[in-house]
Amino acid sequence: LLDSPRFTQQLFNVTLDKSHCISKWGNSLRPEYGEIGYTCWLLPLHISFHCALATIPPHILDDVKDKLHTCSNMVKVHCTNDRPNIYY
């Protein structure tokens, strides 16, 4: 599909949910997960690549960024889940 201009012209975004699995499974259980970053190089430049994570330790985030071959224009959006109206 990625070789099809008809497909890629309609694609605007690739999102990976549970992106921590790239690090956790990419070395042993699912080696292909560790190579998913090469997909970015196959996509036309107009297609953005997003990773969704709920919580991730810094060392796993660094590993995911390394495996995805992140560029200098990468943007990290970090939001807290601390809400004053939600408490236990």
C-alpha atoms as a PDB file:
ATOM      1  CA  LEU A   1       0.000   0.000   0.000  1.00  0.00           C
ATOM      2  CA  LEU A   2       2.808   2.412   0.794  1.00  0.00           C
ATOM      3  CA  ASP A   3       3.979   2.197  -2.818  1.00  0.00           C
ATOM      4  CA  SER A   4       0.560   3.257  -4.063  1.00  0.00           C
ATOM      5  CA  PRO A   5       0.237   7.024  -4.646  1.00  0.00           C
ATOM      6  CA  ARG A   6      -3.534   6.585  -4.642  1.00  0.00           C
ATOM      7  CA  PHE A   7      -3.311   5.312  -1.053  1.00  0.00           C
ATOM      8  CA  THR A   8      -0.609   7.627   0.297  1.00  0.00           C
ATOM      9  CA  GLN A   9      -2.233  10.769  -1.147  1.00  0.00           C
ATOM     10  CA  GLN A  10      -5.223  10.123   1.105  1.00  0.00           C
ATOM     11  CA  LEU A  11      -3.136   9.251   4.157  1.00  0.00           C
ATOM     12  CA  PHE A  12      -2.241  12.126   6.453  1.00  0.00           C
ATOM     13  CA  ASN A  13      -1.202  10.455   9.703  1.00  0.00           C
ATOM     14  CA  VAL A  14       0.163   7.216  11.127  1.00  0.00           C
ATOM     15  CA  THR A  15      -0.463   6.759  14.851  1.00  0.00           C
ATOM     16  CA  LEU A  16       1.029   4.067  17.044  1.00  0.00           C
ATOM     17  CA  ASP A  17      -0.855   3.438  20.256  1.00  0.00           C
ATOM     18  CA  LYS A  18       0.864   1.628  23.123  1.00  0.00           C
ATOM     19  CA  SER A  19       4.203   2.770  21.714  1.00  0.00           C
ATOM     20  CA  HIS A  20       6.080   1.460  24.737  1.00  0.00           C
ATOM     21  CA  CYS A  21       5.666  -1.989  23.130  1.00  0.00           C
ATOM     22  CA  ILE A  22       8.240  -0.916  20.539  1.00  0.00           C
ATOM     23  CA  SER A  23      10.815  -1.048  23.316  1.00  0.00           C
ATOM     24  CA  LYS A  24       9.390  -3.892  25.383  1.00  0.00           C
ATOM     25  CA  TRP A  25       8.701  -6.285  22.501  1.00  0.00           C
ATOM     26  CA  GLY A  26      11.049  -4.946  19.838  1.00  0.00           C
ATOM     27  CA  ASN A  27      14.081  -6.836  21.067  1.00  0.00           C
ATOM     28  CA  SER A  28      12.691 -10.300  21.662  1.00  0.00           C
ATOM     29  CA  LEU A  29       8.992 -11.148  21.313  1.00  0.00           C
ATOM     30  CA  ARG A  30       8.273  -9.122  18.177  1.00  0.00           C
ATOM     31  CA  PRO A  31      11.552  -8.022  16.537  1.00  0.00           C
ATOM     32  CA  GLU A  32       9.551  -6.273  13.788  1.00  0.00           C
ATOM     33  CA  TYR A  33       8.325  -3.769  16.401  1.00  0.00           C
ATOM     34  CA  GLY A  34      11.911  -2.648  16.853  1.00  0.00           C
ATOM     35  CA  GLU A  35      12.139  -1.921  13.127  1.00  0.00           C
ATOM     36  CA  ILE A  36       8.900   0.035  12.768  1.00  0.00           C
ATOM     37  CA  GLY A  37      10.853   3.289  12.619  1.00  0.00           C
ATOM     38  CA  TYR A  38      11.931   2.431   9.086  1.00  0.00           C
ATOM     39  CA  THR A  39       8.294   2.889   8.051  1.00  0.00           C
ATOM     40  CA  CYS A  40       8.796   6.646   8.451  1.00  0.00           C
ATOM     41  CA  TRP A  41      11.329   6.585   5.615  1.00  0.00           C
ATOM     42  CA  LEU A  42       8.844   4.860   3.316  1.00  0.00           C
ATOM     43  CA  LEU A  43       6.137   7.463   3.809  1.00  0.00           C
ATOM     44  CA  PRO A  44       5.806  10.663   1.785  1.00  0.00           C
ATOM     45  CA  LEU A  45       6.877  13.799   3.654  1.00  0.00           C
ATOM     46  CA  HIS A  46       3.324  15.101   4.092  1.00  0.00           C
ATOM     47  CA  ILE A  47       2.416  12.184   6.385  1.00  0.00           C
ATOM     48  CA  SER A  48       3.035  12.766  10.079  1.00  0.00           C
ATOM     49  CA  PHE A  49       3.961   9.979  12.466  1.00  0.00           C
ATOM     50  CA  HIS A  50       2.546   9.966  16.016  1.00  0.00           C
ATOM     51  CA  CYS A  51       3.157   7.789  19.048  1.00  0.00           C
ATOM     52  CA  ALA A  52       0.579   7.633  21.803  1.00  0.00           C
ATOM     53  CA  LEU A  53       1.650   6.764  25.336  1.00  0.00           C
ATOM     54  CA  ALA A  54      -0.121   7.029  28.654  1.00  0.00           C
ATOM     55  CA  THR A  55       2.856   6.565  30.953  1.00  0.00           C
ATOM     56  CA  ILE A  56       6.431   5.728  30.090  1.00  0.00           C
ATOM     57  CA  PRO A  57       9.684   5.797  32.051  1.00  0.00           C
ATOM     58  CA  PRO A  58      12.387   8.049  30.575  1.00  0.00           C
ATOM     59  CA  HIS A  59      14.707   5.163  29.625  1.00  0.00           C
ATOM     60  CA  ILE A  60      11.919   3.440  27.652  1.00  0.00           C
ATOM     61  CA  LEU A  61      11.016   6.737  25.947  1.00  0.00           C
ATOM     62  CA  ASP A  62      14.658   7.145  24.915  1.00  0.00           C
ATOM     63  CA  ASP A  63      14.670   3.610  23.498  1.00  0.00           C
ATOM     64  CA  VAL A  64      11.438   4.228  21.556  1.00  0.00           C
ATOM     65  CA  LYS A  65      12.832   7.483  20.149  1.00  0.00           C
ATOM     66  CA  ASP A  66      15.996   5.650  19.124  1.00  0.00           C
ATOM     67  CA  LYS A  67      14.083   2.823  17.433  1.00  0.00           C
ATOM     68  CA  LEU A  68      11.849   5.314  15.602  1.00  0.00           C
ATOM     69  CA  HIS A  69      14.861   7.319  14.406  1.00  0.00           C
ATOM     70  CA  THR A  70      13.216  10.543  15.553  1.00  0.00           C
ATOM     71  CA  CYS A  71      14.239  13.713  13.783  1.00  0.00           C
ATOM     72  CA  SER A  72      15.283  17.041  15.211  1.00  0.00           C
ATOM     73  CA  ASN A  73      11.802  18.435  14.496  1.00  0.00           C
ATOM     74  CA  MET A  74      10.159  15.917  16.842  1.00  0.00           C
ATOM     75  CA  VAL A  75       7.607  17.445  19.196  1.00  0.00           C
ATOM     76  CA  LYS A  76       6.921  15.890  22.585  1.00  0.00           C
ATOM     77  CA  VAL A  77       3.582  16.721  24.200  1.00  0.00           C
ATOM     78  CA  HIS A  78       3.569  15.900  27.894  1.00  0.00           C
ATOM     79  CA  CYS A  79       0.364  16.407  29.852  1.00  0.00           C
ATOM     80  CA  THR A  80      -0.198  15.628  33.485  1.00  0.00           C
ATOM     81  CA  ASN A  81      -3.150  13.617  34.692  1.00  0.00           C
ATOM     82  CA  ASP A  82      -3.327  15.655  37.891  1.00  0.00           C
ATOM     83  CA  ARG A  83      -6.746  17.295  37.854  1.00  0.00           C
ATOM     84  CA  PRO A  84      -8.063  19.322  40.802  1.00  0.00           C
ATOM     85  CA  ASN A  85     -11.606  18.022  40.295  1.00  0.00           C
ATOM     86  CA  ILE A  86     -10.507  14.365  40.374  1.00  0.00           C
ATOM     87  CA  TYR A  87      -9.210  12.940  43.614  1.00  0.00           C
ATOM     88  CA  TYR A  88      -9.139   9.756  45.626  1.00  0.00           C
END
